[in-house]
């Protein structure tokens, strides 16, 4: 097991592992215990009382974080020529179609999100084995397959993220940066949590939100009292 650095040991002394904090206190602690020498990502892990193997208990959705992600999201817009100007004006980093399909076929995936149109999805099907494992395949449910490409690009650039419960019943999502003010981290976290709560499947019995933990890059995790959100 890797040894903890002096800063990591000091950070651990500031978190009571037996205590669940309210959201605002947790955000303040996360800022205090972020020890890396770069702007660390702040992540939320929400453990749900669902069985992801059952289709009627799958929890997935999209949320627009009110204060953005703090990350420069690289967007590829795969569109027909008549939509290229709109996509560029909206802020897409890469805009085109056939030339980018060829690049992807060759293994290029240096983007964070791909936005496209319904008429183009047929061309993306054969690239599923490349895009799927990387979470890059556009999906109408997340708003990345749409005729309003400009809006989709603006939404993604403005802090829109998609989330999905994993096979262990946990939703993992990056909700900001350690450089954010604590109240802005809290606003982003609350927006995600409230969205997840609204998506509770009707078939779920018992406790839905089992636990919530917040952490930043290489920091200890801080438990959040679900009753306070």
Protein backbone atom coordinates (compact mmCIF):
# COMPACT_ATOMS: atom_id res chain seq x y z
CA UNK A 1 0.00 0.00 0.00
CA UNK A 2 1.36 3.44 -0.95
CA UNK A 3 2.51 5.64 1.91
CA UNK A 4 0.57 8.82 2.58
CA UNK A 5 2.36 12.13 2.16
CA UNK A 6 2.57 14.59 5.03
CA UNK A 7 -0.19 16.71 3.44
CA UNK A 8 -2.44 13.67 2.95
CA UNK A 9 -1.99 12.64 6.59
CA UNK A 10 -2.83 16.18 7.68
CA UNK A 11 -5.94 16.17 5.46
CA UNK A 12 -7.17 12.95 7.03
CA UNK A 13 -7.02 14.50 10.50
CA UNK A 14 -9.54 17.13 9.34
CA UNK A 15 -12.19 14.57 8.39
CA UNK A 16 -14.09 12.55 10.97
CA UNK A 17 -14.70 9.22 9.24
CA UNK A 18 -17.52 8.44 11.67
CA UNK A 19 -19.45 11.62 10.95
CA UNK A 20 -21.81 12.56 8.09
CA UNK A 21 -21.64 16.30 7.46
CA UNK A 22 -24.25 18.65 6.10
CA UNK A 23 -23.63 19.64 2.50
CA UNK A 24 -22.26 23.14 3.16
CA UNK A 25 -19.78 21.93 5.78
CA UNK A 26 -18.65 19.09 3.50
CA UNK A 27 -17.91 21.54 0.69
CA UNK A 28 -15.85 23.77 3.00
CA UNK A 29 -13.88 20.75 4.23
CA UNK A 30 -13.21 19.56 0.67
CA UNK A 31 -11.65 22.91 -0.18
CA UNK A 32 -9.53 22.76 2.95
CA UNK A 33 -8.18 19.24 2.39
CA UNK A 34 -7.40 19.54 -1.32
CA UNK A 35 -3.61 19.12 -1.28
CA UNK A 36 -2.60 18.66 -4.93
CA UNK A 37 -0.73 21.44 -6.72
CA UNK A 38 -3.32 21.76 -9.49
CA UNK A 39 -7.00 22.65 -9.61
CA UNK A 40 -8.47 19.39 -8.36
CA UNK A 41 -11.79 18.03 -9.56
CA UNK A 42 -14.55 17.67 -6.99
CA UNK A 43 -16.49 14.42 -7.32
CA UNK A 44 -19.72 13.12 -5.88
CA UNK A 45 -20.53 9.43 -5.32
CA UNK A 46 -24.19 8.66 -4.60
CA UNK A 47 -24.98 5.07 -3.59
CA UNK A 48 -28.54 4.10 -4.40
CA UNK A 49 -30.79 1.35 -3.12
CA UNK A 50 -31.49 0.06 -6.62
CA UNK A 51 -30.71 -3.09 -8.57
CA UNK A 52 -29.12 -1.82 -11.83
CA UNK A 53 -29.57 -5.29 -13.36
CA UNK A 54 -33.31 -4.60 -13.53
CA UNK A 55 -34.33 -2.34 -16.41
CA UNK A 56 -37.03 -0.69 -14.31
CA UNK A 57 -34.46 0.32 -11.67
CA UNK A 58 -31.89 1.88 -13.98
CA UNK A 59 -31.24 5.49 -12.98
CA UNK A 60 -29.74 7.79 -15.60
CA UNK A 61 -30.27 11.37 -16.61
CA UNK A 62 -28.79 14.76 -17.37
CA UNK A 63 -28.30 17.84 -15.22
CA UNK A 64 -27.01 21.33 -15.90
CA UNK A 65 -24.74 22.40 -13.07
CA UNK A 66 -25.57 26.04 -12.21
CA UNK A 67 -21.90 26.98 -11.86
CA UNK A 68 -20.51 24.79 -14.65
CA UNK A 69 -17.98 22.01 -14.29
CA UNK A 70 -14.87 24.19 -14.32
CA UNK A 71 -13.57 22.02 -17.13
CA UNK A 72 -12.98 23.09 -20.70
CA UNK A 73 -15.18 20.50 -22.40
CA UNK A 74 -14.08 19.65 -25.94
CA UNK A 75 -17.12 19.17 -28.17
CA UNK A 76 -17.27 17.54 -31.59
CA UNK A 77 -20.35 18.41 -33.66
CA UNK A 78 -20.99 15.83 -36.37
CA UNK A 79 -23.40 17.71 -38.59
CA UNK A 80 -24.44 18.27 -42.18
CA UNK A 81 -23.03 21.35 -43.94
CA UNK A 82 -26.17 23.43 -43.32
CA UNK A 83 -25.67 23.12 -39.54
CA UNK A 84 -21.92 23.76 -39.43
CA UNK A 85 -22.14 27.53 -38.96
CA UNK A 86 -24.60 27.14 -36.06
CA UNK A 87 -22.37 24.61 -34.33
CA UNK A 88 -19.26 26.77 -34.71
CA UNK A 89 -21.07 29.86 -33.42
CA UNK A 90 -22.30 27.87 -30.40
CA UNK A 91 -18.70 27.04 -29.48
CA UNK A 92 -18.07 23.54 -30.80
CA UNK A 93 -14.34 22.77 -30.90
CA UNK A 94 -14.57 20.51 -33.95
CA UNK A 95 -17.24 20.69 -36.63
CA UNK A 96 -17.72 18.48 -39.67
CA UNK A 97 -18.84 15.03 -40.67
CA UNK A 98 -17.14 12.58 -43.01
CA UNK A 99 -13.59 13.69 -42.22
CA UNK A 100 -14.19 13.21 -38.48
CA UNK A 101 -15.94 9.87 -39.02
CA UNK A 102 -12.79 8.70 -40.78
CA UNK A 103 -10.59 10.01 -37.95
CA UNK A 104 -12.71 8.19 -35.37
CA UNK A 105 -12.56 5.03 -37.46
CA UNK A 106 -8.79 5.37 -37.25
CA UNK A 107 -8.94 5.58 -33.45
CA UNK A 108 -9.15 9.33 -32.80
CA UNK A 109 -11.34 10.13 -29.78
CA UNK A 110 -9.72 13.28 -28.37
CA UNK A 111 -13.03 14.89 -27.36
CA UNK A 112 -15.25 14.87 -24.28
CA UNK A 113 -18.69 14.99 -25.91
CA UNK A 114 -20.06 14.33 -29.39
CA UNK A 115 -23.21 16.11 -30.54
CA UNK A 116 -25.00 15.08 -33.71
CA UNK A 117 -28.28 15.01 -35.63
CA UNK A 118 -30.80 12.16 -36.01
CA UNK A 119 -30.02 11.87 -39.72
CA UNK A 120 -26.34 11.25 -38.97
CA UNK A 121 -26.79 8.50 -36.36
CA UNK A 122 -26.87 5.80 -39.03
CA UNK A 123 -23.27 6.64 -39.92
CA UNK A 124 -22.21 6.43 -36.27
CA UNK A 125 -23.57 2.91 -35.73
CA UNK A 126 -20.47 1.12 -37.11
CA UNK A 127 -18.29 3.21 -34.78
CA UNK A 128 -20.08 2.01 -31.65
CA UNK A 129 -17.25 -0.33 -30.66
CA UNK A 130 -14.91 2.69 -30.54
CA UNK A 131 -17.25 5.30 -29.07
CA UNK A 132 -19.31 3.10 -26.74
CA UNK A 133 -16.57 2.01 -24.30
CA UNK A 134 -15.41 5.64 -24.02
CA UNK A 135 -18.88 6.97 -23.27
CA UNK A 136 -18.85 9.09 -26.42
CA UNK A 137 -21.79 7.64 -28.34
CA UNK A 138 -24.45 10.38 -28.75
CA UNK A 139 -27.83 9.56 -27.22
CA UNK A 140 -31.22 11.28 -27.62
CA UNK A 141 -31.88 10.74 -23.89
CA UNK A 142 -28.92 12.94 -22.98
CA UNK A 143 -29.75 15.60 -25.57
CA UNK A 144 -26.72 14.92 -27.75
CA UNK A 145 -28.80 13.73 -30.71
CA UNK A 146 -30.96 16.66 -31.75
CA UNK A 147 -31.89 18.97 -34.59
CA UNK A 148 -31.06 21.93 -32.34
CA UNK A 149 -27.33 21.32 -32.43
CA UNK A 150 -26.45 24.86 -31.34
CA UNK A 151 -28.44 24.52 -28.11
CA UNK A 152 -26.91 21.12 -27.39
CA UNK A 153 -23.39 22.51 -27.80
CA UNK A 154 -24.16 25.51 -25.57
CA UNK A 155 -25.68 23.25 -22.90
CA UNK A 156 -22.63 20.99 -22.80
CA UNK A 157 -20.24 23.93 -22.73
CA UNK A 158 -22.32 25.54 -19.99
CA UNK A 159 -22.12 22.67 -17.51
CA UNK A 160 -24.55 20.03 -18.68
CA UNK A 161 -23.46 16.52 -17.69
CA UNK A 162 -25.05 13.11 -17.99
CA UNK A 163 -24.91 10.46 -15.30
CA UNK A 164 -25.79 6.80 -14.95
CA UNK A 165 -25.84 4.38 -12.05
CA UNK A 166 -23.08 1.78 -12.40
CA UNK A 167 -23.37 -1.96 -11.85
CA UNK A 168 -22.64 -1.53 -8.14
CA UNK A 169 -25.51 0.93 -7.68
CA UNK A 170 -23.38 4.08 -7.49
CA UNK A 171 -23.58 7.31 -9.49
CA UNK A 172 -20.19 8.98 -9.93
CA UNK A 173 -20.00 12.54 -11.28
CA UNK A 174 -17.54 15.43 -11.37
CA UNK A 175 -19.38 18.50 -10.10
CA UNK A 176 -16.75 21.23 -10.17
CA UNK A 177 -13.26 22.27 -9.13
CA UNK A 178 -11.63 22.81 -5.75
CA UNK A 179 -11.02 26.45 -6.75
CA UNK A 180 -14.79 27.08 -6.75
CA UNK A 181 -16.25 28.89 -3.74
CA UNK A 182 -17.73 26.41 -1.26
CA UNK A 183 -21.25 27.69 -1.88
CA UNK A 184 -20.88 27.12 -5.64
CA UNK A 185 -19.71 23.54 -5.06
CA UNK A 186 -22.72 23.07 -2.79
CA UNK A 187 -25.12 24.47 -5.43
CA UNK A 188 -23.75 22.10 -8.07
CA UNK A 189 -23.86 19.12 -5.70
CA UNK A 190 -27.41 19.90 -4.62
CA UNK A 191 -28.56 20.23 -8.24
CA UNK A 192 -27.26 16.74 -9.03
CA UNK A 193 -28.63 15.19 -5.83
CA UNK A 194 -32.10 16.70 -6.30
CA UNK A 195 -32.16 15.51 -9.92
CA UNK A 196 -31.27 11.96 -8.82
CA UNK A 197 -33.99 12.06 -6.15
CA UNK A 198 -36.60 13.03 -8.75
CA UNK A 199 -35.58 10.01 -10.85
CA UNK A 200 -36.37 7.47 -8.12
CA UNK A 201 -37.87 4.41 -9.84
CA UNK A 202 -41.39 3.53 -8.71
CA UNK A 203 -40.30 -0.08 -8.12
CA UNK A 204 -37.67 0.82 -5.52
CA UNK A 205 -38.64 -0.06 -1.96
CA UNK A 206 -36.84 1.01 1.20
CA UNK A 207 -34.01 3.54 1.34
CA UNK A 208 -33.29 5.12 -2.04
CA UNK A 209 -30.30 7.36 -1.22
CA UNK A 210 -28.09 5.07 0.87
CA UNK A 211 -25.01 7.28 1.10
CA UNK A 212 -23.36 10.33 -0.44
CA UNK A 213 -19.62 10.96 -0.44
CA UNK A 214 -17.69 13.94 -1.77
CA UNK A 215 -13.99 13.99 -2.57
CA UNK A 216 -11.46 15.92 -4.58
CA UNK A 217 -8.53 14.52 -6.54
CA UNK A 218 -6.45 12.36 -4.15
CA UNK A 219 -8.27 13.67 -1.06
CA UNK A 220 -10.04 11.68 1.66
CA UNK A 221 -13.78 11.34 1.06
CA UNK A 222 -16.30 13.25 3.16
CA UNK A 223 -19.63 11.65 4.02
CA UNK A 224 -22.70 13.84 3.51
CA UNK A 225 -25.83 13.37 5.62
CA UNK A 226 -28.52 12.57 3.02
CA UNK A 227 -31.16 13.97 5.39
CA UNK A 228 -29.69 17.46 4.98
CA UNK A 229 -30.11 17.65 1.20
